[in-house]
Amino acid sequence: MKIAVITANTGKFEKPVPYVEQSVPYDFHMFTDENFPPRYCSMTPRLQARIPKMFGWQMAPGYDYYIWVDSSCALLHPDSVKWFIVMCAKFDFVVFKHPSRNTIREEADYLKQRLRMNCDYITTRYKNELIDEQMKVIEDDPTYVDNRLIASTAFAYRNCEKIHNAMIQWWYHTSRFHSVDQLSFPYVLFKSWCSVNVIPVPMRQNVIKSMYVTHVRYR
């Protein structure tokens, strides 16, 4: 079994933290400004980082499983990679439940409220993004029930065609409407018929608290 762990730190927003040695073999791929040069004429570094996040299976081909970890996090438990693969064994995807909100609508309303408040963290990243247009696509779909929100901080998936289709649709939503990829994440997995293992986690400062994925940056 071949496993790839992928992350991206475009724009050098984070100070890299080395992972601890893992109990199972894997290959590590970090995309940075050096090996994935900035495309400032066409996109921000935050949006560019979504490309390896959603297309790791193309950029580092040939693996059976892929694990994505945001650059604000690190795998600091020796069984982190093993745990992700075990949790994904009977599913297409393993994800964490969002630690503080329960539906896509709640997330959209939260973002809109923060934008109205001119919250610096949100406004500087997501001003003029098309939240309402994206929500219309999701809420006008009679086949979809908005009953969960999942975190896009860290996840694992099998290398298969329906995952590829989900990732392509995820990129479409993120680039077409809103670069907060959590808004469309549950929807595109549902529309691509992916089986998903959702891991519940307690909230800690609005971030995931897990022994297997450790936040190394707190805003």
N, C-alpha and C. Protein backbone atom coordinates (compact mmCIF):
# COMPACT_ATOMS: atom_id res chain seq x y z
N MET A 1 0.84 -1.19 0.00
CA MET A 1 0.00 0.00 0.00
C MET A 1 0.88 1.25 0.00
N LYS A 2 0.60 2.17 -0.92
CA LYS A 2 1.36 3.40 -1.02
C LYS A 2 0.51 4.56 -0.50
N ILE A 3 1.09 5.36 0.39
CA ILE A 3 0.37 6.44 1.05
C ILE A 3 1.14 7.75 0.84
N ALA A 4 0.41 8.78 0.48
CA ALA A 4 0.99 10.12 0.34
C ALA A 4 0.34 11.06 1.34
N VAL A 5 1.15 11.84 2.02
CA VAL A 5 0.66 12.94 2.86
C VAL A 5 1.01 14.23 2.13
N ILE A 6 0.00 15.06 1.94
CA ILE A 6 0.17 16.28 1.14
C ILE A 6 -0.21 17.50 1.96
N THR A 7 0.55 18.56 1.82
CA THR A 7 0.21 19.85 2.41
C THR A 7 0.71 20.94 1.49
N ALA A 8 0.31 22.18 1.76
CA ALA A 8 0.75 23.31 0.96
C ALA A 8 0.92 24.52 1.86
N ASN A 9 2.00 25.25 1.64
CA ASN A 9 2.26 26.47 2.39
C ASN A 9 2.63 27.57 1.40
N THR A 10 1.74 27.81 0.44
CA THR A 10 1.97 28.87 -0.53
C THR A 10 1.75 30.22 0.15
N GLY A 11 2.57 31.18 -0.21
CA GLY A 11 2.50 32.47 0.44
C GLY A 11 3.24 32.53 1.76
N LYS A 12 3.80 31.39 2.19
CA LYS A 12 4.59 31.32 3.43
C LYS A 12 3.82 31.87 4.64
N PHE A 13 2.54 31.48 4.74
CA PHE A 13 1.72 31.94 5.86
C PHE A 13 2.09 31.25 7.16
N GLU A 14 2.63 30.04 7.07
CA GLU A 14 2.87 29.25 8.27
C GLU A 14 4.36 28.95 8.45
N LYS A 15 4.76 28.75 9.68
CA LYS A 15 6.10 28.27 9.98
C LYS A 15 6.03 26.75 10.01
N PRO A 16 6.71 26.06 9.09
CA PRO A 16 6.60 24.59 9.03
C PRO A 16 7.03 23.93 10.33
N VAL A 17 6.27 22.93 10.73
CA VAL A 17 6.58 22.14 11.92
C VAL A 17 6.82 20.70 11.47
N PRO A 18 7.96 20.11 11.76
CA PRO A 18 8.24 18.73 11.32
C PRO A 18 7.27 17.74 11.97
N TYR A 19 6.84 16.77 11.20
CA TYR A 19 6.02 15.69 11.74
C TYR A 19 6.92 14.72 12.53
N VAL A 20 6.33 14.06 13.50
CA VAL A 20 7.07 13.01 14.19
C VAL A 20 7.18 11.80 13.26
N GLU A 21 8.15 10.94 13.53
CA GLU A 21 8.31 9.73 12.73
C GLU A 21 7.06 8.87 12.87
N GLN A 22 6.58 8.38 11.73
CA GLN A 22 5.33 7.62 11.72
C GLN A 22 5.59 6.12 11.79
N SER A 23 4.57 5.40 12.27
CA SER A 23 4.70 3.95 12.46
C SER A 23 4.50 3.16 11.17
N VAL A 24 4.04 3.83 10.11
CA VAL A 24 3.89 3.18 8.81
C VAL A 24 4.59 4.05 7.77
N PRO A 25 5.08 3.43 6.69
CA PRO A 25 5.77 4.22 5.66
C PRO A 25 4.81 5.09 4.86
N TYR A 26 5.29 6.26 4.46
CA TYR A 26 4.50 7.17 3.62
C TYR A 26 5.46 8.13 2.94
N ASP A 27 4.98 8.79 1.90
CA ASP A 27 5.75 9.84 1.22
C ASP A 27 5.12 11.19 1.54
N PHE A 28 5.97 12.18 1.78
CA PHE A 28 5.50 13.50 2.17
C PHE A 28 5.72 14.48 1.01
N HIS A 29 4.67 15.22 0.65
CA HIS A 29 4.75 16.21 -0.41
C HIS A 29 4.25 17.55 0.14
N MET A 30 5.14 18.52 0.23
CA MET A 30 4.75 19.86 0.64
C MET A 30 4.95 20.81 -0.55
N PHE A 31 3.88 21.50 -0.92
CA PHE A 31 3.95 22.45 -2.02
C PHE A 31 4.14 23.85 -1.45
N THR A 32 5.20 24.51 -1.92
CA THR A 32 5.58 25.83 -1.44
C THR A 32 5.81 26.76 -2.63
N ASP A 33 6.15 28.01 -2.33
CA ASP A 33 6.45 28.96 -3.40
C ASP A 33 7.65 28.51 -4.22
N GLU A 34 8.51 27.69 -3.64
CA GLU A 34 9.71 27.24 -4.35
C GLU A 34 9.39 26.16 -5.39
N ASN A 35 8.57 25.18 -5.03
CA ASN A 35 8.29 24.10 -5.99
C ASN A 35 6.92 24.24 -6.65
N PHE A 36 6.15 25.24 -6.26
CA PHE A 36 4.84 25.52 -6.87
C PHE A 36 4.72 27.05 -6.95
N PRO A 37 5.44 27.68 -7.89
CA PRO A 37 5.62 29.13 -7.90
C PRO A 37 4.30 29.90 -7.88
N PRO A 38 4.28 31.04 -7.18
CA PRO A 38 3.06 31.85 -7.07
C PRO A 38 2.52 32.27 -8.44
N ARG A 39 1.20 32.25 -8.54
CA ARG A 39 0.52 32.68 -9.76
C ARG A 39 -0.24 33.98 -9.45
N TYR A 40 0.52 35.00 -9.07
CA TYR A 40 -0.08 36.24 -8.59
C TYR A 40 -0.95 36.93 -9.63
N CYS A 41 -0.69 36.69 -10.90
CA CYS A 41 -1.49 37.35 -11.94
C CYS A 41 -2.89 36.75 -12.06
N SER A 42 -3.10 35.57 -11.49
CA SER A 42 -4.38 34.91 -11.69
C SER A 42 -5.08 34.50 -10.40
N MET A 43 -4.36 34.37 -9.28
CA MET A 43 -5.01 33.93 -8.06
C MET A 43 -4.17 34.28 -6.83
N THR A 44 -4.84 34.29 -5.69
CA THR A 44 -4.14 34.53 -4.44
C THR A 44 -3.43 33.25 -3.99
N PRO A 45 -2.42 33.37 -3.12
CA PRO A 45 -1.78 32.16 -2.59
C PRO A 45 -2.76 31.22 -1.89
N ARG A 46 -3.77 31.77 -1.21
CA ARG A 46 -4.74 30.91 -0.51
C ARG A 46 -5.54 30.06 -1.50
N LEU A 47 -5.94 30.66 -2.60
CA LEU A 47 -6.67 29.89 -3.60
C LEU A 47 -5.73 28.90 -4.29
N GLN A 48 -4.51 29.30 -4.57
CA GLN A 48 -3.56 28.40 -5.22
C GLN A 48 -3.30 27.16 -4.37
N ALA A 49 -3.29 27.33 -3.04
CA ALA A 49 -3.07 26.18 -2.16
C ALA A 49 -4.18 25.15 -2.27
N ARG A 50 -5.36 25.57 -2.74
CA ARG A 50 -6.46 24.62 -2.92
C ARG A 50 -6.17 23.62 -4.05
N ILE A 51 -5.25 23.95 -4.94
CA ILE A 51 -4.98 23.05 -6.07
C ILE A 51 -4.35 21.75 -5.59
N PRO A 52 -3.24 21.77 -4.86
CA PRO A 52 -2.75 20.48 -4.33
C PRO A 52 -3.70 19.86 -3.32
N LYS A 53 -4.50 20.68 -2.65
CA LYS A 53 -5.47 20.13 -1.71
C LYS A 53 -6.51 19.28 -2.43
N MET A 54 -6.92 19.71 -3.59
CA MET A 54 -7.97 19.02 -4.33
C MET A 54 -7.46 18.14 -5.45
N PHE A 55 -6.22 18.35 -5.86
CA PHE A 55 -5.67 17.60 -6.99
C PHE A 55 -4.34 16.93 -6.65
N GLY A 56 -4.17 16.58 -5.37
CA GLY A 56 -2.98 15.84 -4.98
C GLY A 56 -2.83 14.55 -5.74
N TRP A 57 -3.95 13.92 -6.06
CA TRP A 57 -3.92 12.66 -6.81
C TRP A 57 -3.40 12.83 -8.23
N GLN A 58 -3.40 14.06 -8.75
CA GLN A 58 -2.77 14.35 -10.04
C GLN A 58 -1.33 14.82 -9.88
N MET A 59 -1.09 15.65 -8.87
CA MET A 59 0.22 16.28 -8.70
C MET A 59 1.26 15.31 -8.13
N ALA A 60 0.78 14.33 -7.40
CA ALA A 60 1.65 13.26 -6.88
C ALA A 60 0.95 11.94 -7.17
N PRO A 61 0.93 11.50 -8.41
CA PRO A 61 0.14 10.33 -8.80
C PRO A 61 0.74 9.02 -8.31
N GLY A 62 -0.13 7.99 -8.32
CA GLY A 62 0.37 6.64 -8.11
C GLY A 62 0.21 6.08 -6.71
N TYR A 63 -0.53 6.78 -5.82
CA TYR A 63 -0.70 6.30 -4.46
C TYR A 63 -2.09 5.67 -4.29
N ASP A 64 -2.19 4.77 -3.32
CA ASP A 64 -3.47 4.15 -3.00
C ASP A 64 -4.33 5.05 -2.11
N TYR A 65 -3.68 5.76 -1.20
CA TYR A 65 -4.38 6.67 -0.29
C TYR A 65 -3.65 8.00 -0.23
N TYR A 66 -4.44 9.05 -0.06
CA TYR A 66 -3.90 10.39 0.12
C TYR A 66 -4.44 10.97 1.42
N ILE A 67 -3.55 11.62 2.15
CA ILE A 67 -3.93 12.33 3.37
C ILE A 67 -3.57 13.79 3.18
N TRP A 68 -4.56 14.66 3.35
CA TRP A 68 -4.31 16.10 3.28
C TRP A 68 -4.25 16.66 4.70
N VAL A 69 -3.28 17.56 4.95
CA VAL A 69 -3.16 18.25 6.22
C VAL A 69 -2.88 19.72 5.94
N ASP A 70 -3.75 20.62 6.41
CA ASP A 70 -3.49 22.05 6.27
C ASP A 70 -2.14 22.39 6.88
N SER A 71 -1.49 23.41 6.35
CA SER A 71 -0.17 23.78 6.86
C SER A 71 -0.21 24.41 8.24
N SER A 72 -1.42 24.72 8.73
CA SER A 72 -1.57 25.22 10.10
C SER A 72 -1.60 24.07 11.11
N CYS A 73 -1.46 22.85 10.61
CA CYS A 73 -1.52 21.65 11.46
C CYS A 73 -0.31 20.78 11.22
N ALA A 74 -0.14 19.77 12.07
CA ALA A 74 0.95 18.82 11.92
C ALA A 74 0.53 17.46 12.47
N LEU A 75 1.15 16.43 11.98
CA LEU A 75 0.94 15.07 12.48
C LEU A 75 2.01 14.80 13.54
N LEU A 76 1.63 14.95 14.80
CA LEU A 76 2.60 14.84 15.89
C LEU A 76 2.38 13.61 16.76
N HIS A 77 1.56 12.68 16.27
CA HIS A 77 1.40 11.39 16.92
C HIS A 77 1.99 10.33 15.99
N PRO A 78 2.76 9.37 16.48
CA PRO A 78 3.41 8.39 15.60
C PRO A 78 2.45 7.51 14.82
N ASP A 79 1.19 7.41 15.26
CA ASP A 79 0.21 6.59 14.54
C ASP A 79 -0.78 7.42 13.73
N SER A 80 -0.48 8.68 13.47
CA SER A 80 -1.43 9.54 12.74
C SER A 80 -1.75 9.00 11.36
N VAL A 81 -0.74 8.69 10.59
CA VAL A 81 -0.97 8.18 9.23
C VAL A 81 -1.72 6.85 9.30
N LYS A 82 -1.29 5.98 10.18
CA LYS A 82 -1.95 4.68 10.33
C LYS A 82 -3.42 4.86 10.70
N TRP A 83 -3.71 5.77 11.62
CA TRP A 83 -5.09 6.02 12.04
C TRP A 83 -5.96 6.47 10.88
N PHE A 84 -5.47 7.40 10.08
CA PHE A 84 -6.24 7.88 8.93
C PHE A 84 -6.58 6.72 7.99
N ILE A 85 -5.63 5.86 7.72
CA ILE A 85 -5.87 4.76 6.79
C ILE A 85 -6.84 3.75 7.37
N VAL A 86 -6.74 3.45 8.65
CA VAL A 86 -7.69 2.54 9.29
C VAL A 86 -9.09 3.13 9.24
N MET A 87 -9.22 4.41 9.51
CA MET A 87 -10.53 5.06 9.50
C MET A 87 -11.12 5.13 8.09
N CYS A 88 -10.26 5.06 7.09
CA CYS A 88 -10.72 5.16 5.70
C CYS A 88 -10.92 3.79 5.05
N ALA A 89 -10.58 2.72 5.75
CA ALA A 89 -10.50 1.39 5.14
C ALA A 89 -11.80 0.95 4.48
N LYS A 90 -12.94 1.24 5.09
CA LYS A 90 -14.24 0.81 4.56
C LYS A 90 -15.00 1.96 3.91
N PHE A 91 -14.32 3.06 3.66
CA PHE A 91 -14.97 4.24 3.11
C PHE A 91 -14.12 4.81 1.97
N ASP A 92 -14.73 5.73 1.24
CA ASP A 92 -13.97 6.48 0.23
C ASP A 92 -13.22 7.64 0.85
N PHE A 93 -13.80 8.21 1.92
CA PHE A 93 -13.29 9.44 2.50
C PHE A 93 -13.40 9.36 4.01
N VAL A 94 -12.42 9.89 4.74
CA VAL A 94 -12.56 10.09 6.18
C VAL A 94 -12.31 11.56 6.47
N VAL A 95 -13.21 12.16 7.24
CA VAL A 95 -13.16 13.59 7.54
C VAL A 95 -13.50 13.80 9.01
N PHE A 96 -13.23 15.00 9.49
CA PHE A 96 -13.67 15.41 10.82
C PHE A 96 -14.94 16.24 10.71
N LYS A 97 -15.85 16.02 11.64
CA LYS A 97 -17.00 16.91 11.75
C LYS A 97 -16.51 18.31 12.09
N HIS A 98 -17.19 19.33 11.57
CA HIS A 98 -16.80 20.69 11.91
C HIS A 98 -16.96 20.89 13.41
N PRO A 99 -15.99 21.52 14.07
CA PRO A 99 -16.02 21.56 15.53
C PRO A 99 -17.02 22.52 16.15
N SER A 100 -17.62 23.44 15.35
CA SER A 100 -18.48 24.43 15.99
C SER A 100 -19.79 24.71 15.28
N ARG A 101 -19.96 24.28 14.04
CA ARG A 101 -21.23 24.48 13.34
C ARG A 101 -21.67 23.17 12.70
N ASN A 102 -22.98 23.08 12.42
CA ASN A 102 -23.56 21.78 12.05
C ASN A 102 -24.04 21.67 10.62
N THR A 103 -24.22 22.78 9.93
CA THR A 103 -24.75 22.72 8.56
C THR A 103 -24.03 23.74 7.68
N ILE A 104 -24.18 23.55 6.38
CA ILE A 104 -23.62 24.51 5.43
C ILE A 104 -24.28 25.88 5.62
N ARG A 105 -25.58 25.91 5.85
CA ARG A 105 -26.28 27.17 6.06
C ARG A 105 -25.73 27.91 7.29
N GLU A 106 -25.46 27.20 8.36
CA GLU A 106 -24.89 27.84 9.54
C GLU A 106 -23.53 28.46 9.22
N GLU A 107 -22.74 27.77 8.45
CA GLU A 107 -21.43 28.29 8.06
C GLU A 107 -21.57 29.53 7.19
N ALA A 108 -22.49 29.49 6.24
CA ALA A 108 -22.71 30.64 5.37
C ALA A 108 -23.18 31.85 6.17
N ASP A 109 -24.11 31.64 7.09
CA ASP A 109 -24.61 32.74 7.91
C ASP A 109 -23.51 33.31 8.80
N TYR A 110 -22.67 32.43 9.33
CA TYR A 110 -21.54 32.87 10.16
C TYR A 110 -20.61 33.77 9.35
N LEU A 111 -20.27 33.34 8.14
CA LEU A 111 -19.38 34.13 7.29
C LEU A 111 -20.00 35.48 6.95
N LYS A 112 -21.28 35.49 6.62
CA LYS A 112 -21.95 36.74 6.26
C LYS A 112 -22.01 37.69 7.45
N GLN A 113 -22.25 37.15 8.63
CA GLN A 113 -22.26 37.98 9.83
C GLN A 113 -20.89 38.61 10.06
N ARG A 114 -19.85 37.82 9.92
CA ARG A 114 -18.50 38.32 10.13
C ARG A 114 -18.12 39.38 9.09
N LEU A 115 -18.60 39.20 7.88
CA LEU A 115 -18.35 40.20 6.84
C LEU A 115 -19.07 41.51 7.16
N ARG A 116 -20.31 41.42 7.66
CA ARG A 116 -21.04 42.63 8.05
C ARG A 116 -20.34 43.36 9.19
N MET A 117 -19.71 42.59 10.07
CA MET A 117 -18.97 43.17 11.19
C MET A 117 -17.60 43.71 10.76
N ASN A 118 -17.24 43.47 9.51
CA ASN A 118 -15.93 43.84 8.99
C ASN A 118 -14.81 43.20 9.82
N CYS A 119 -15.03 41.96 10.16
CA CYS A 119 -14.03 41.18 10.89
C CYS A 119 -12.78 41.05 10.02
N ASP A 120 -11.65 41.49 10.54
CA ASP A 120 -10.44 41.57 9.73
C ASP A 120 -10.04 40.20 9.18
N TYR A 121 -10.11 39.17 10.01
CA TYR A 121 -9.68 37.84 9.58
C TYR A 121 -10.51 37.33 8.40
N ILE A 122 -11.82 37.62 8.42
CA ILE A 122 -12.71 37.15 7.36
C ILE A 122 -12.71 38.10 6.17
N THR A 123 -12.83 39.40 6.42
CA THR A 123 -12.99 40.37 5.33
C THR A 123 -11.77 40.41 4.42
N THR A 124 -10.59 40.36 4.99
CA THR A 124 -9.39 40.45 4.16
C THR A 124 -9.22 39.23 3.26
N ARG A 125 -9.91 38.15 3.57
CA ARG A 125 -9.80 36.94 2.77
C ARG A 125 -10.99 36.72 1.84
N TYR A 126 -12.18 37.12 2.28
CA TYR A 126 -13.38 36.66 1.58
C TYR A 126 -14.36 37.76 1.18
N LYS A 127 -13.93 39.01 1.18
CA LYS A 127 -14.81 40.09 0.75
C LYS A 127 -15.24 39.88 -0.71
N ASN A 128 -16.53 40.08 -0.96
CA ASN A 128 -17.13 39.98 -2.31
C ASN A 128 -17.20 38.56 -2.85
N GLU A 129 -16.94 37.57 -2.03
CA GLU A 129 -17.14 36.19 -2.47
C GLU A 129 -18.64 35.91 -2.59
N LEU A 130 -19.00 34.96 -3.45
CA LEU A 130 -20.39 34.77 -3.85
C LEU A 130 -21.09 33.73 -2.97
N ILE A 131 -21.27 34.07 -1.71
CA ILE A 131 -21.88 33.13 -0.76
C ILE A 131 -23.32 32.83 -1.14
N ASP A 132 -24.12 33.86 -1.38
CA ASP A 132 -25.55 33.64 -1.67
C ASP A 132 -25.74 32.83 -2.95
N GLU A 133 -24.93 33.10 -3.95
CA GLU A 133 -25.06 32.35 -5.21
C GLU A 133 -24.73 30.87 -4.98
N GLN A 134 -23.72 30.62 -4.19
CA GLN A 134 -23.37 29.22 -3.90
C GLN A 134 -24.47 28.54 -3.10
N MET A 135 -25.01 29.22 -2.11
CA MET A 135 -26.07 28.64 -1.30
C MET A 135 -27.31 28.36 -2.13
N LYS A 136 -27.57 29.19 -3.12
CA LYS A 136 -28.74 28.95 -3.98
C LYS A 136 -28.58 27.64 -4.74
N VAL A 137 -27.39 27.36 -5.25
CA VAL A 137 -27.14 26.10 -5.95
C VAL A 137 -27.40 24.92 -5.03
N ILE A 138 -26.89 25.02 -3.81
CA ILE A 138 -27.01 23.90 -2.86
C ILE A 138 -28.45 23.75 -2.37
N GLU A 139 -29.07 24.85 -1.98
CA GLU A 139 -30.40 24.78 -1.38
C GLU A 139 -31.51 24.56 -2.40
N ASP A 140 -31.23 24.84 -3.68
CA ASP A 140 -32.23 24.56 -4.72
C ASP A 140 -32.16 23.13 -5.22
N ASP A 141 -31.22 22.35 -4.72
CA ASP A 141 -31.08 20.96 -5.15
C ASP A 141 -32.01 20.09 -4.31
N PRO A 142 -33.08 19.54 -4.91
CA PRO A 142 -34.05 18.76 -4.12
C PRO A 142 -33.50 17.44 -3.62
N THR A 143 -32.37 16.99 -4.15
CA THR A 143 -31.81 15.70 -3.72
C THR A 143 -30.94 15.83 -2.48
N TYR A 144 -30.63 17.06 -2.08
CA TYR A 144 -29.67 17.25 -1.00
C TYR A 144 -30.33 17.76 0.27
N VAL A 145 -29.95 17.17 1.40
CA VAL A 145 -30.40 17.62 2.71
C VAL A 145 -29.20 18.18 3.45
N ASP A 146 -29.28 19.43 3.83
CA ASP A 146 -28.18 20.10 4.51
C ASP A 146 -28.21 19.74 5.99
N ASN A 147 -27.55 18.66 6.34
CA ASN A 147 -27.61 18.18 7.72
C ASN A 147 -26.25 17.92 8.35
N ARG A 148 -25.16 18.39 7.71
CA ARG A 148 -23.86 18.25 8.34
C ARG A 148 -22.87 19.23 7.72
N LEU A 149 -21.92 19.62 8.52
CA LEU A 149 -20.79 20.44 8.07
C LEU A 149 -19.52 19.71 8.47
N ILE A 150 -18.60 19.58 7.56
CA ILE A 150 -17.36 18.87 7.85
C ILE A 150 -16.18 19.82 7.68
N ALA A 151 -15.16 19.59 8.46
CA ALA A 151 -13.97 20.43 8.42
C ALA A 151 -13.08 20.00 7.26
N SER A 152 -12.48 20.97 6.62
CA SER A 152 -11.58 20.66 5.51
C SER A 152 -10.12 20.74 5.93
N THR A 153 -9.87 20.80 7.22
CA THR A 153 -8.52 20.95 7.76
C THR A 153 -7.62 19.76 7.44
N ALA A 154 -8.16 18.56 7.64
CA ALA A 154 -7.39 17.34 7.40
C ALA A 154 -8.36 16.24 7.02
N PHE A 155 -7.96 15.41 6.07
CA PHE A 155 -8.82 14.32 5.61
C PHE A 155 -7.99 13.31 4.85
N ALA A 156 -8.59 12.16 4.60
CA ALA A 156 -7.92 11.12 3.81
C ALA A 156 -8.92 10.53 2.82
N TYR A 157 -8.40 10.03 1.71
CA TYR A 157 -9.29 9.45 0.71
C TYR A 157 -8.58 8.38 -0.11
N ARG A 158 -9.39 7.48 -0.65
CA ARG A 158 -8.89 6.46 -1.57
C ARG A 158 -8.68 7.07 -2.95
N ASN A 159 -7.79 6.52 -3.72
CA ASN A 159 -7.54 6.98 -5.08
C ASN A 159 -8.47 6.23 -6.03
N CYS A 160 -9.61 6.86 -6.34
CA CYS A 160 -10.59 6.22 -7.21
C CYS A 160 -11.34 7.29 -7.99
N GLU A 161 -12.07 6.85 -9.02
CA GLU A 161 -12.67 7.80 -9.95
C GLU A 161 -13.72 8.69 -9.31
N LYS A 162 -14.55 8.15 -8.41
CA LYS A 162 -15.58 9.02 -7.84
C LYS A 162 -14.99 10.07 -6.91
N ILE A 163 -13.83 9.78 -6.30
CA ILE A 163 -13.14 10.80 -5.53
C ILE A 163 -12.60 11.87 -6.47
N HIS A 164 -12.05 11.46 -7.60
CA HIS A 164 -11.57 12.44 -8.58
C HIS A 164 -12.70 13.36 -9.00
N ASN A 165 -13.87 12.79 -9.27
CA ASN A 165 -15.01 13.60 -9.68
C ASN A 165 -15.42 14.57 -8.58
N ALA A 166 -15.39 14.11 -7.33
CA ALA A 166 -15.74 14.98 -6.21
C ALA A 166 -14.76 16.13 -6.11
N MET A 167 -13.47 15.86 -6.28
CA MET A 167 -12.47 16.90 -6.18
C MET A 167 -12.61 17.94 -7.29
N ILE A 168 -12.92 17.47 -8.49
CA ILE A 168 -13.12 18.41 -9.60
C ILE A 168 -14.31 19.31 -9.31
N GLN A 169 -15.39 18.76 -8.79
CA GLN A 169 -16.55 19.57 -8.43
C GLN A 169 -16.23 20.50 -7.26
N TRP A 170 -15.42 20.04 -6.34
CA TRP A 170 -15.03 20.89 -5.20
C TRP A 170 -14.26 22.11 -5.68
N TRP A 171 -13.34 21.89 -6.61
CA TRP A 171 -12.60 23.01 -7.18
C TRP A 171 -13.54 23.96 -7.92
N TYR A 172 -14.49 23.41 -8.65
CA TYR A 172 -15.46 24.26 -9.35
C TYR A 172 -16.18 25.18 -8.37
N HIS A 173 -16.72 24.63 -7.30
CA HIS A 173 -17.44 25.44 -6.33
C HIS A 173 -16.52 26.47 -5.66
N THR A 174 -15.31 26.05 -5.33
CA THR A 174 -14.39 26.93 -4.61
C THR A 174 -13.91 28.08 -5.48
N SER A 175 -13.66 27.83 -6.75
CA SER A 175 -13.18 28.89 -7.64
C SER A 175 -14.34 29.69 -8.23
N ARG A 176 -15.48 29.05 -8.42
CA ARG A 176 -16.63 29.73 -9.03
C ARG A 176 -17.37 30.64 -8.05
N PHE A 177 -17.50 30.18 -6.79
CA PHE A 177 -18.34 30.91 -5.85
C PHE A 177 -17.57 31.47 -4.65
N HIS A 178 -16.94 30.57 -3.89
CA HIS A 178 -16.43 30.99 -2.59
C HIS A 178 -15.24 30.12 -2.22
N SER A 179 -14.12 30.77 -1.88
CA SER A 179 -12.90 30.02 -1.61
C SER A 179 -12.87 29.39 -0.22
N VAL A 180 -13.89 29.63 0.61
CA VAL A 180 -14.03 28.85 1.85
C VAL A 180 -14.53 27.47 1.43
N ASP A 181 -13.63 26.52 1.34
CA ASP A 181 -14.00 25.24 0.73
C ASP A 181 -14.92 24.40 1.61
N GLN A 182 -15.07 24.76 2.89
CA GLN A 182 -15.98 24.00 3.76
C GLN A 182 -17.43 24.16 3.34
N LEU A 183 -17.77 25.26 2.66
CA LEU A 183 -19.16 25.48 2.26
C LEU A 183 -19.65 24.39 1.31
N SER A 184 -18.82 23.97 0.40
CA SER A 184 -19.27 23.01 -0.61
C SER A 184 -18.80 21.59 -0.35
N PHE A 185 -17.96 21.39 0.65
CA PHE A 185 -17.35 20.08 0.88
C PHE A 185 -18.37 18.96 1.07
N PRO A 186 -19.34 19.10 1.99
CA PRO A 186 -20.31 18.00 2.15
C PRO A 186 -21.15 17.79 0.90
N TYR A 187 -21.46 18.87 0.22
CA TYR A 187 -22.34 18.78 -0.95
C TYR A 187 -21.67 18.01 -2.08
N VAL A 188 -20.40 18.32 -2.40
CA VAL A 188 -19.75 17.64 -3.52
C VAL A 188 -19.49 16.17 -3.21
N LEU A 189 -19.23 15.84 -1.94
CA LEU A 189 -19.07 14.42 -1.60
C LEU A 189 -20.38 13.67 -1.79
N PHE A 190 -21.49 14.30 -1.39
CA PHE A 190 -22.80 13.68 -1.58
C PHE A 190 -23.11 13.50 -3.07
N LYS A 191 -22.88 14.52 -3.86
CA LYS A 191 -23.23 14.47 -5.28
C LYS A 191 -22.37 13.46 -6.04
N SER A 192 -21.21 13.14 -5.51
CA SER A 192 -20.32 12.18 -6.18
C SER A 192 -20.48 10.77 -5.64
N TRP A 193 -21.45 10.55 -4.78
CA TRP A 193 -21.77 9.22 -4.23
C TRP A 193 -20.61 8.64 -3.43
N CYS A 194 -19.89 9.48 -2.74
CA CYS A 194 -18.77 9.01 -1.92
C CYS A 194 -19.27 8.53 -0.56
N SER A 195 -18.76 7.42 -0.11
CA SER A 195 -19.03 6.98 1.26
C SER A 195 -18.06 7.70 2.19
N VAL A 196 -18.59 8.28 3.26
CA VAL A 196 -17.80 9.18 4.09
C VAL A 196 -17.87 8.76 5.55
N ASN A 197 -16.73 8.63 6.17
CA ASN A 197 -16.64 8.39 7.60
C ASN A 197 -16.38 9.73 8.29
N VAL A 198 -17.37 10.23 9.02
CA VAL A 198 -17.27 11.53 9.68
C VAL A 198 -16.91 11.31 11.14
N ILE A 199 -15.75 11.81 11.54
CA ILE A 199 -15.25 11.62 12.89
C ILE A 199 -15.66 12.81 13.76
N PRO A 200 -16.44 12.59 14.82
CA PRO A 200 -16.80 13.70 15.71
C PRO A 200 -15.60 14.11 16.56
N VAL A 201 -15.47 15.40 16.79
CA VAL A 201 -14.39 15.91 17.63
C VAL A 201 -14.93 17.03 18.52
N PRO A 202 -14.38 17.19 19.72
CA PRO A 202 -14.77 18.31 20.56
C PRO A 202 -14.19 19.61 20.02
N MET A 203 -14.81 20.73 20.38
CA MET A 203 -14.33 22.02 19.92
C MET A 203 -13.23 22.53 20.83
N ARG A 204 -12.22 23.12 20.22
CA ARG A 204 -11.18 23.80 20.97
C ARG A 204 -10.78 25.05 20.18
N GLN A 205 -11.22 26.21 20.65
CA GLN A 205 -10.91 27.48 20.00
C GLN A 205 -11.29 27.46 18.53
N ASN A 206 -12.43 26.86 18.23
CA ASN A 206 -12.95 26.80 16.86
C ASN A 206 -12.05 26.02 15.91
N VAL A 207 -11.22 25.12 16.45
CA VAL A 207 -10.39 24.26 15.62
C VAL A 207 -10.55 22.83 16.09
N ILE A 208 -10.12 21.90 15.26
CA ILE A 208 -10.20 20.48 15.59
C ILE A 208 -9.26 20.15 16.74
N LYS A 209 -9.77 19.39 17.69
CA LYS A 209 -8.93 18.88 18.77
C LYS A 209 -8.87 17.37 18.61
N SER A 210 -7.72 16.87 18.21
CA SER A 210 -7.54 15.44 17.99
C SER A 210 -6.11 15.07 18.32
N MET A 211 -5.90 13.88 18.84
CA MET A 211 -4.55 13.43 19.15
C MET A 211 -3.76 13.15 17.88
N TYR A 212 -4.46 13.00 16.74
CA TYR A 212 -3.79 12.64 15.51
C TYR A 212 -3.49 13.84 14.61
N VAL A 213 -4.18 14.94 14.79
CA VAL A 213 -3.92 16.16 14.03
C VAL A 213 -3.82 17.30 15.02
N THR A 214 -2.66 17.94 15.08
CA THR A 214 -2.42 18.97 16.08
C THR A 214 -2.29 20.33 15.41
N HIS A 215 -3.07 21.31 15.88
CA HIS A 215 -2.92 22.66 15.36
C HIS A 215 -1.64 23.27 15.92
N VAL A 216 -0.87 23.84 15.03
CA VAL A 216 0.38 24.47 15.44
C VAL A 216 0.34 25.98 15.22
N ARG A 217 -0.79 26.49 14.78
CA ARG A 217 -1.00 27.93 14.66
C ARG A 217 -2.39 28.25 15.17
N TYR A 218 -2.50 29.21 16.05
CA TYR A 218 -3.79 29.67 16.55
C TYR A 218 -3.91 31.15 16.24
N ARG A 219 -5.03 31.51 15.61
CA ARG A 219 -5.21 32.93 15.28
C ARG A 219 -5.79 33.67 16.45
